[in-house]
Amino acid sequence: MYKLIGFFLVAWTTQLMAIVMYGQLVWLGKFSTMGVGGGPLSQVHPILWWALFLELLVMIGVAGLWRKSIYAYKAQQNESMESREDV
């Protein structure tokens, strides 16, 4: 599970940096034509923020399911060891 968290943090941070850089690119493009309003982050389309948030929720769900499956696997192993001891 810790490997998943590390991978997720790297991927999520990189995507966040890409969104911020995209916002700055759009803002500077509008600034050069004298038609800018707001800051660089307000230039980013809201669907990108929703996609980033959705990815966060999916990763939390995957981590939760992974954790449950690990505990279920360990419980199954313990049951099989107990049944071997009874024989």
PDB file of N, CA and C in Angstrom:
ATOM      1  N   MET A   1       0.824  -1.184   0.000  1.00  0.00           N
ATOM      2  CA  MET A   1       0.000   0.000   0.000  1.00  0.00           C
ATOM      3  C   MET A   1       0.871   1.253   0.000  1.00  0.00           C
ATOM      4  N   TYR A   2       2.011   1.183   0.680  1.00  0.00           N
ATOM      5  CA  TYR A   2       2.884   2.348   0.724  1.00  0.00           C
ATOM      6  C   TYR A   2       3.485   2.643  -0.645  1.00  0.00           C
ATOM      7  N   LYS A   3       3.690   1.600  -1.454  1.00  0.00           N
ATOM      8  CA  LYS A   3       4.173   1.818  -2.814  1.00  0.00           C
ATOM      9  C   LYS A   3       3.132   2.578  -3.622  1.00  0.00           C
ATOM     10  N   LEU A   4       1.870   2.256  -3.414  1.00  0.00           N
ATOM     11  CA  LEU A   4       0.798   2.962  -4.117  1.00  0.00           C
ATOM     12  C   LEU A   4       0.740   4.429  -3.716  1.00  0.00           C
ATOM     13  N   ILE A   5       0.932   4.702  -2.442  1.00  0.00           N
ATOM     14  CA  ILE A   5       0.871   6.083  -1.973  1.00  0.00           C
ATOM     15  C   ILE A   5       2.005   6.898  -2.581  1.00  0.00           C
ATOM     16  N   GLY A   6       3.204   6.330  -2.612  1.00  0.00           N
ATOM     17  CA  GLY A   6       4.337   7.035  -3.213  1.00  0.00           C
ATOM     18  C   GLY A   6       4.121   7.292  -4.690  1.00  0.00           C
ATOM     19  N   PHE A   7       3.642   6.275  -5.406  1.00  0.00           N
ATOM     20  CA  PHE A   7       3.366   6.429  -6.835  1.00  0.00           C
ATOM     21  C   PHE A   7       2.290   7.480  -7.066  1.00  0.00           C
ATOM     22  N   PHE A   8       1.250   7.446  -6.250  1.00  0.00           N
ATOM     23  CA  PHE A   8       0.163   8.406  -6.393  1.00  0.00           C
ATOM     24  C   PHE A   8       0.650   9.828  -6.141  1.00  0.00           C
ATOM     25  N   LEU A   9       1.455  10.018  -5.101  1.00  0.00           N
ATOM     26  CA  LEU A   9       1.934  11.369  -4.801  1.00  0.00           C
ATOM     27  C   LEU A   9       2.779  11.934  -5.935  1.00  0.00           C
ATOM     28  N   VAL A  10       3.627  11.102  -6.516  1.00  0.00           N
ATOM     29  CA  VAL A  10       4.451  11.565  -7.639  1.00  0.00           C
ATOM     30  C   VAL A  10       3.567  11.919  -8.829  1.00  0.00           C
ATOM     31  N   ALA A  11       2.628  11.049  -9.168  1.00  0.00           N
ATOM     32  CA  ALA A  11       1.756  11.294 -10.323  1.00  0.00           C
ATOM     33  C   ALA A  11       0.868  12.510 -10.095  1.00  0.00           C
ATOM     34  N   TRP A  12       0.289  12.625  -8.918  1.00  0.00           N
ATOM     35  CA  TRP A  12      -0.631  13.726  -8.631  1.00  0.00           C
ATOM     36  C   TRP A  12       0.098  15.062  -8.608  1.00  0.00           C
ATOM     37  N   THR A  13       1.291  15.091  -8.014  1.00  0.00           N
ATOM     38  CA  THR A  13       2.073  16.326  -7.969  1.00  0.00           C
ATOM     39  C   THR A  13       2.484  16.761  -9.365  1.00  0.00           C
ATOM     40  N   THR A  14       2.881  15.807 -10.193  1.00  0.00           N
ATOM     41  CA  THR A  14       3.279  16.143 -11.559  1.00  0.00           C
ATOM     42  C   THR A  14       2.098  16.706 -12.342  1.00  0.00           C
ATOM     43  N   GLN A  15       0.935  16.113 -12.177  1.00  0.00           N
ATOM     44  CA  GLN A  15      -0.243  16.613 -12.880  1.00  0.00           C
ATOM     45  C   GLN A  15      -0.644  17.996 -12.380  1.00  0.00           C
ATOM     46  N   LEU A  16      -0.516  18.225 -11.083  1.00  0.00           N
ATOM     47  CA  LEU A  16      -0.824  19.544 -10.535  1.00  0.00           C
ATOM     48  C   LEU A  16       0.127  20.591 -11.104  1.00  0.00           C
ATOM     49  N   MET A  17       1.407  20.240 -11.200  1.00  0.00           N
ATOM     50  CA  MET A  17       2.374  21.170 -11.784  1.00  0.00           C
ATOM     51  C   MET A  17       2.038  21.462 -13.245  1.00  0.00           C
ATOM     52  N   ALA A  18       1.605  20.448 -13.990  1.00  0.00           N
ATOM     53  CA  ALA A  18       1.243  20.650 -15.398  1.00  0.00           C
ATOM     54  C   ALA A  18       0.033  21.570 -15.522  1.00  0.00           C
ATOM     55  N   ILE A  19      -0.942  21.421 -14.637  1.00  0.00           N
ATOM     56  CA  ILE A  19      -2.126  22.284 -14.671  1.00  0.00           C
ATOM     57  C   ILE A  19      -1.743  23.725 -14.363  1.00  0.00           C
ATOM     58  N   VAL A  20      -0.872  23.923 -13.378  1.00  0.00           N
ATOM     59  CA  VAL A  20      -0.435  25.276 -13.027  1.00  0.00           C
ATOM     60  C   VAL A  20       0.343  25.896 -14.187  1.00  0.00           C
ATOM     61  N   MET A  21       1.220  25.115 -14.811  1.00  0.00           N
ATOM     62  CA  MET A  21       1.981  25.644 -15.951  1.00  0.00           C
ATOM     63  C   MET A  21       1.053  25.983 -17.113  1.00  0.00           C
ATOM     64  N   TYR A  22       0.021  25.173 -17.339  1.00  0.00           N
ATOM     65  CA  TYR A  22      -0.951  25.462 -18.391  1.00  0.00           C
ATOM     66  C   TYR A  22      -1.683  26.772 -18.091  1.00  0.00           C
ATOM     67  N   GLY A  23      -2.064  26.967 -16.836  1.00  0.00           N
ATOM     68  CA  GLY A  23      -2.732  28.209 -16.445  1.00  0.00           C
ATOM     69  C   GLY A  23      -1.845  29.424 -16.666  1.00  0.00           C
ATOM     70  N   GLN A  24      -0.566  29.286 -16.357  1.00  0.00           N
ATOM     71  CA  GLN A  24       0.357  30.394 -16.590  1.00  0.00           C
ATOM     72  C   GLN A  24       0.525  30.664 -18.079  1.00  0.00           C
ATOM     73  N   LEU A  25       0.566  29.609 -18.893  1.00  0.00           N
ATOM     74  CA  LEU A  25       0.692  29.778 -20.339  1.00  0.00           C
ATOM     75  C   LEU A  25      -0.505  30.537 -20.909  1.00  0.00           C
ATOM     76  N   VAL A  26      -1.700  30.150 -20.503  1.00  0.00           N
ATOM     77  CA  VAL A  26      -2.907  30.825 -20.983  1.00  0.00           C
ATOM     78  C   VAL A  26      -2.926  32.268 -20.491  1.00  0.00           C
ATOM     79  N   TRP A  27      -2.572  32.481 -19.231  1.00  0.00           N
ATOM     80  CA  TRP A  27      -2.582  33.822 -18.655  1.00  0.00           C
ATOM     81  C   TRP A  27      -1.586  34.725 -19.370  1.00  0.00           C
ATOM     82  N   LEU A  28      -0.375  34.211 -19.638  1.00  0.00           N
ATOM     83  CA  LEU A  28       0.627  35.023 -20.329  1.00  0.00           C
ATOM     84  C   LEU A  28       0.213  35.305 -21.769  1.00  0.00           C
ATOM     85  N   GLY A  29      -0.460  34.340 -22.412  1.00  0.00           N
ATOM     86  CA  GLY A  29      -0.967  34.584 -23.761  1.00  0.00           C
ATOM     87  C   GLY A  29      -1.992  35.699 -23.786  1.00  0.00           C
ATOM     88  N   LYS A  30      -2.885  35.702 -22.806  1.00  0.00           N
ATOM     89  CA  LYS A  30      -3.882  36.769 -22.726  1.00  0.00           C
ATOM     90  C   LYS A  30      -3.233  38.091 -22.315  1.00  0.00           C
ATOM     91  N   PHE A  31      -2.200  38.011 -21.474  1.00  0.00           N
ATOM     92  CA  PHE A  31      -1.511  39.214 -21.018  1.00  0.00           C
ATOM     93  C   PHE A  31      -0.812  39.904 -22.183  1.00  0.00           C
ATOM     94  N   SER A  32      -0.265  39.120 -23.103  1.00  0.00           N
ATOM     95  CA  SER A  32       0.451  39.713 -24.239  1.00  0.00           C
ATOM     96  C   SER A  32      -0.495  40.437 -25.195  1.00  0.00           C
ATOM     97  N   THR A  33      -1.766  40.054 -25.199  1.00  0.00           N
ATOM     98  CA  THR A  33      -2.740  40.744 -26.054  1.00  0.00           C
ATOM     99  C   THR A  33      -3.562  41.754 -25.261  1.00  0.00           C
ATOM    100  N   MET A  34      -3.159  42.024 -24.039  1.00  0.00           N
ATOM    101  CA  MET A  34      -3.799  43.012 -23.158  1.00  0.00           C
ATOM    102  C   MET A  34      -5.244  42.666 -22.817  1.00  0.00           C
ATOM    103  N   GLY A  35      -5.563  41.389 -22.760  1.00  0.00           N
ATOM    104  CA  GLY A  35      -6.935  41.011 -22.446  1.00  0.00           C
ATOM    105  C   GLY A  35      -7.017  40.067 -21.266  1.00  0.00           C
ATOM    106  N   VAL A  36      -6.165  40.252 -20.265  1.00  0.00           N
ATOM    107  CA  VAL A  36      -6.128  39.322 -19.145  1.00  0.00           C
ATOM    108  C   VAL A  36      -7.027  39.821 -18.015  1.00  0.00           C
ATOM    109  N   GLY A  37      -7.634  38.875 -17.329  1.00  0.00           N
ATOM    110  CA  GLY A  37      -8.417  39.184 -16.151  1.00  0.00           C
ATOM    111  C   GLY A  37      -8.236  38.057 -15.148  1.00  0.00           C
ATOM    112  N   GLY A  38      -7.977  38.371 -13.910  1.00  0.00           N
ATOM    113  CA  GLY A  38      -7.748  37.334 -12.911  1.00  0.00           C
ATOM    114  C   GLY A  38      -6.306  36.878 -12.887  1.00  0.00           C
ATOM    115  N   GLY A  39      -6.080  35.804 -12.161  1.00  0.00           N
ATOM    116  CA  GLY A  39      -4.727  35.265 -12.034  1.00  0.00           C
ATOM    117  C   GLY A  39      -4.518  34.048 -12.912  1.00  0.00           C
ATOM    118  N   PRO A  40      -3.302  33.510 -12.902  1.00  0.00           N
ATOM    119  CA  PRO A  40      -3.003  32.342 -13.746  1.00  0.00           C
ATOM    120  C   PRO A  40      -3.862  31.121 -13.422  1.00  0.00           C
ATOM    121  N   LEU A  41      -4.127  30.877 -12.145  1.00  0.00           N
ATOM    122  CA  LEU A  41      -4.896  29.679 -11.795  1.00  0.00           C
ATOM    123  C   LEU A  41      -6.376  29.813 -12.127  1.00  0.00           C
ATOM    124  N   SER A  42      -6.864  31.044 -12.243  1.00  0.00           N
ATOM    125  CA  SER A  42      -8.267  31.216 -12.624  1.00  0.00           C
ATOM    126  C   SER A  42      -8.474  30.994 -14.122  1.00  0.00           C
ATOM    127  N   GLN A  43      -7.390  30.878 -14.886  1.00  0.00           N
ATOM    128  CA  GLN A  43      -7.488  30.638 -16.328  1.00  0.00           C
ATOM    129  C   GLN A  43      -7.655  29.158 -16.661  1.00  0.00           C
ATOM    130  N   VAL A  44      -7.420  28.302 -15.687  1.00  0.00           N
ATOM    131  CA  VAL A  44      -7.511  26.859 -15.916  1.00  0.00           C
ATOM    132  C   VAL A  44      -8.983  26.454 -15.969  1.00  0.00           C
ATOM    133  N   HIS A  45      -9.317  25.637 -16.936  1.00  0.00           N
ATOM    134  CA  HIS A  45     -10.703  25.181 -17.089  1.00  0.00           C
ATOM    135  C   HIS A  45     -11.086  24.324 -15.879  1.00  0.00           C
ATOM    136  N   PRO A  46     -12.281  24.505 -15.327  1.00  0.00           N
ATOM    137  CA  PRO A  46     -12.684  23.771 -14.118  1.00  0.00           C
ATOM    138  C   PRO A  46     -12.668  22.254 -14.270  1.00  0.00           C
ATOM    139  N   ILE A  47     -12.814  21.741 -15.493  1.00  0.00           N
ATOM    140  CA  ILE A  47     -12.825  20.284 -15.662  1.00  0.00           C
ATOM    141  C   ILE A  47     -11.480  19.675 -15.275  1.00  0.00           C
ATOM    142  N   LEU A  48     -10.399  20.430 -15.435  1.00  0.00           N
ATOM    143  CA  LEU A  48      -9.087  19.911 -15.029  1.00  0.00           C
ATOM    144  C   LEU A  48      -9.001  19.764 -13.511  1.00  0.00           C
ATOM    145  N   TRP A  49      -9.576  20.734 -12.785  1.00  0.00           N
ATOM    146  CA  TRP A  49      -9.584  20.624 -11.326  1.00  0.00           C
ATOM    147  C   TRP A  49     -10.463  19.451 -10.885  1.00  0.00           C
ATOM    148  N   TRP A  50     -11.611  19.269 -11.564  1.00  0.00           N
ATOM    149  CA  TRP A  50     -12.497  18.148 -11.226  1.00  0.00           C
ATOM    150  C   TRP A  50     -11.821  16.814 -11.520  1.00  0.00           C
ATOM    151  N   ALA A  51     -11.086  16.747 -12.628  1.00  0.00           N
ATOM    152  CA  ALA A  51     -10.388  15.505 -12.970  1.00  0.00           C
ATOM    153  C   ALA A  51      -9.319  15.180 -11.931  1.00  0.00           C
ATOM    154  N   LEU A  52      -8.618  16.205 -11.463  1.00  0.00           N
ATOM    155  CA  LEU A  52      -7.595  15.986 -10.439  1.00  0.00           C
ATOM    156  C   LEU A  52      -8.233  15.515  -9.132  1.00  0.00           C
ATOM    157  N   PHE A  53      -9.367  16.116  -8.766  1.00  0.00           N
ATOM    158  CA  PHE A  53     -10.077  15.716  -7.557  1.00  0.00           C
ATOM    159  C   PHE A  53     -10.637  14.302  -7.692  1.00  0.00           C
ATOM    160  N   LEU A  54     -11.165  13.980  -8.880  1.00  0.00           N
ATOM    161  CA  LEU A  54     -11.686  12.634  -9.121  1.00  0.00           C
ATOM    162  C   LEU A  54     -10.574  11.594  -9.012  1.00  0.00           C
ATOM    163  N   GLU A  55      -9.406  11.928  -9.520  1.00  0.00           N
ATOM    164  CA  GLU A  55      -8.275  11.006  -9.401  1.00  0.00           C
ATOM    165  C   GLU A  55      -7.906  10.778  -7.935  1.00  0.00           C
ATOM    166  N   LEU A  56      -7.971  11.825  -7.142  1.00  0.00           N
ATOM    167  CA  LEU A  56      -7.702  11.692  -5.709  1.00  0.00           C
ATOM    168  C   LEU A  56      -8.700  10.737  -5.063  1.00  0.00           C
ATOM    169  N   LEU A  57      -9.983  10.885  -5.383  1.00  0.00           N
ATOM    170  CA  LEU A  57     -11.001  10.003  -4.809  1.00  0.00           C
ATOM    171  C   LEU A  57     -10.824   8.558  -5.256  1.00  0.00           C
ATOM    172  N   VAL A  58     -10.504   8.361  -6.531  1.00  0.00           N
ATOM    173  CA  VAL A  58     -10.292   7.004  -7.042  1.00  0.00           C
ATOM    174  C   VAL A  58      -9.099   6.361  -6.357  1.00  0.00           C
ATOM    175  N   MET A  59      -8.036   7.118  -6.162  1.00  0.00           N
ATOM    176  CA  MET A  59      -6.847   6.553  -5.522  1.00  0.00           C
ATOM    177  C   MET A  59      -7.124   6.190  -4.061  1.00  0.00           C
ATOM    178  N   ILE A  60      -7.897   7.000  -3.377  1.00  0.00           N
ATOM    179  CA  ILE A  60      -8.265   6.669  -1.996  1.00  0.00           C
ATOM    180  C   ILE A  60      -9.092   5.389  -1.981  1.00  0.00           C
ATOM    181  N   GLY A  61     -10.010   5.249  -2.936  1.00  0.00           N
ATOM    182  CA  GLY A  61     -10.812   4.026  -3.035  1.00  0.00           C
ATOM    183  C   GLY A  61      -9.975   2.805  -3.340  1.00  0.00           C
ATOM    184  N   VAL A  62      -9.025   2.942  -4.265  1.00  0.00           N
ATOM    185  CA  VAL A  62      -8.144   1.817  -4.604  1.00  0.00           C
ATOM    186  C   VAL A  62      -7.305   1.415  -3.402  1.00  0.00           C
ATOM    187  N   ALA A  63      -6.787   2.394  -2.678  1.00  0.00           N
ATOM    188  CA  ALA A  63      -5.987   2.083  -1.494  1.00  0.00           C
ATOM    189  C   ALA A  63      -6.833   1.372  -0.439  1.00  0.00           C
ATOM    190  N   GLY A  64      -8.082   1.805  -0.274  1.00  0.00           N
ATOM    191  CA  GLY A  64      -8.970   1.146   0.686  1.00  0.00           C
ATOM    192  C   GLY A  64      -9.286  -0.281   0.295  1.00  0.00           C
ATOM    193  N   LEU A  65      -9.574  -0.507  -0.993  1.00  0.00           N
ATOM    194  CA  LEU A  65      -9.851  -1.872  -1.454  1.00  0.00           C
ATOM    195  C   LEU A  65      -8.617  -2.755  -1.344  1.00  0.00           C
ATOM    196  N   TRP A  66      -7.462  -2.187  -1.645  1.00  0.00           N
ATOM    197  CA  TRP A  66      -6.209  -2.939  -1.549  1.00  0.00           C
ATOM    198  C   TRP A  66      -6.000  -3.382  -0.102  1.00  0.00           C
ATOM    199  N   ARG A  67      -6.250  -2.458   0.817  1.00  0.00           N
ATOM    200  CA  ARG A  67      -6.051  -2.770   2.235  1.00  0.00           C
ATOM    201  C   ARG A  67      -7.010  -3.870   2.688  1.00  0.00           C
ATOM    202  N   LYS A  68      -8.274  -3.779   2.258  1.00  0.00           N
ATOM    203  CA  LYS A  68      -9.248  -4.809   2.627  1.00  0.00           C
ATOM    204  C   LYS A  68      -8.858  -6.161   2.055  1.00  0.00           C
ATOM    205  N   SER A  69      -8.366  -6.179   0.821  1.00  0.00           N
ATOM    206  CA  SER A  69      -7.998  -7.457   0.208  1.00  0.00           C
ATOM    207  C   SER A  69      -6.782  -8.063   0.897  1.00  0.00           C
ATOM    208  N   ILE A  70      -5.856  -7.233   1.353  1.00  0.00           N
ATOM    209  CA  ILE A  70      -4.686  -7.755   2.074  1.00  0.00           C
ATOM    210  C   ILE A  70      -5.127  -8.376   3.392  1.00  0.00           C
ATOM    211  N   TYR A  71      -6.026  -7.681   4.121  1.00  0.00           N
ATOM    212  CA  TYR A  71      -6.505  -8.237   5.385  1.00  0.00           C
ATOM    213  C   TYR A  71      -7.301  -9.517   5.162  1.00  0.00           C
ATOM    214  N   ALA A  72      -8.087  -9.575   4.095  1.00  0.00           N
ATOM    215  CA  ALA A  72      -8.850 -10.790   3.795  1.00  0.00           C
ATOM    216  C   ALA A  72      -7.911 -11.936   3.451  1.00  0.00           C
ATOM    217  N   TYR A  73      -6.852 -11.654   2.714  1.00  0.00           N
ATOM    218  CA  TYR A  73      -5.876 -12.686   2.357  1.00  0.00           C
ATOM    219  C   TYR A  73      -5.169 -13.215   3.606  1.00  0.00           C
ATOM    220  N   LYS A  74      -4.788 -12.304   4.509  1.00  0.00           N
ATOM    221  CA  LYS A  74      -4.124 -12.732   5.747  1.00  0.00           C
ATOM    222  C   LYS A  74      -5.069 -13.559   6.615  1.00  0.00           C
ATOM    223  N   ALA A  75      -6.337 -13.177   6.673  1.00  0.00           N
ATOM    224  CA  ALA A  75      -7.308 -13.939   7.459  1.00  0.00           C
ATOM    225  C   ALA A  75      -7.499 -15.326   6.865  1.00  0.00           C
ATOM    226  N   GLN A  76      -7.520 -15.416   5.547  1.00  0.00           N
ATOM    227  CA  GLN A  76      -7.660 -16.712   4.886  1.00  0.00           C
ATOM    228  C   GLN A  76      -6.441 -17.589   5.165  1.00  0.00           C
ATOM    229  N   GLN A  77      -5.263 -17.007   5.164  1.00  0.00           N
ATOM    230  CA  GLN A  77      -4.051 -17.768   5.457  1.00  0.00           C
ATOM    231  C   GLN A  77      -4.062 -18.268   6.898  1.00  0.00           C
ATOM    232  N   ASN A  78      -4.518 -17.426   7.821  1.00  0.00           N
ATOM    233  CA  ASN A  78      -4.591 -17.838   9.224  1.00  0.00           C
ATOM    234  C   ASN A  78      -5.579 -18.985   9.407  1.00  0.00           C
ATOM    235  N   GLU A  79      -6.717 -18.929   8.711  1.00  0.00           N
ATOM    236  CA  GLU A  79      -7.704 -20.004   8.810  1.00  0.00           C
ATOM    237  C   GLU A  79      -7.148 -21.311   8.261  1.00  0.00           C
ATOM    238  N   SER A  80      -6.423 -21.241   7.162  1.00  0.00           N
ATOM    239  CA  SER A  80      -5.873 -22.472   6.585  1.00  0.00           C
ATOM    240  C   SER A  80      -4.786 -23.056   7.487  1.00  0.00           C
ATOM    241  N   MET A  81      -4.029 -22.206   8.166  1.00  0.00           N
ATOM    242  CA  MET A  81      -3.007 -22.710   9.091  1.00  0.00           C
ATOM    243  C   MET A  81      -3.660 -23.353  10.310  1.00  0.00           C
ATOM    244  N   GLU A  82      -4.757 -22.762  10.789  1.00  0.00           N
ATOM    245  CA  GLU A  82      -5.452 -23.340  11.931  1.00  0.00           C
ATOM    246  C   GLU A  82      -6.055 -24.687  11.576  1.00  0.00           C
ATOM    247  N   SER A  83      -6.574 -24.815  10.362  1.00  0.00           N
ATOM    248  CA  SER A  83      -7.160 -26.098   9.959  1.00  0.00           C
ATOM    249  C   SER A  83      -6.075 -27.161   9.801  1.00  0.00           C
ATOM    250  N   ARG A  84      -4.873 -26.775   9.439  1.00  0.00           N
ATOM    251  CA  ARG A  84      -3.770 -27.731   9.338  1.00  0.00           C
ATOM    252  C   ARG A  84      -3.332 -28.207  10.719  1.00  0.00           C
ATOM    253  N   GLU A  85      -3.412 -27.302  11.701  1.00  0.00           N
ATOM    254  CA  GLU A  85      -3.015 -27.672  13.056  1.00  0.00           C
ATOM    255  C   GLU A  85      -4.006 -28.651  13.672  1.00  0.00           C
ATOM    256  N   ASP A  86      -5.274 -28.561  13.280  1.00  0.00           N
ATOM    257  CA  ASP A  86      -6.291 -29.454  13.830  1.00  0.00           C
ATOM    258  C   ASP A  86      -6.117 -30.886  13.346  1.00  0.00           C
ATOM    259  N   VAL A  87      -5.482 -31.078  12.221  1.00  0.00           N
ATOM    260  CA  VAL A  87      -5.354 -32.423  11.639  1.00  0.00           C
ATOM    261  C   VAL A  87      -4.347 -33.222  12.355  1.00  0.00           C
TER     262      VAL A  87
END
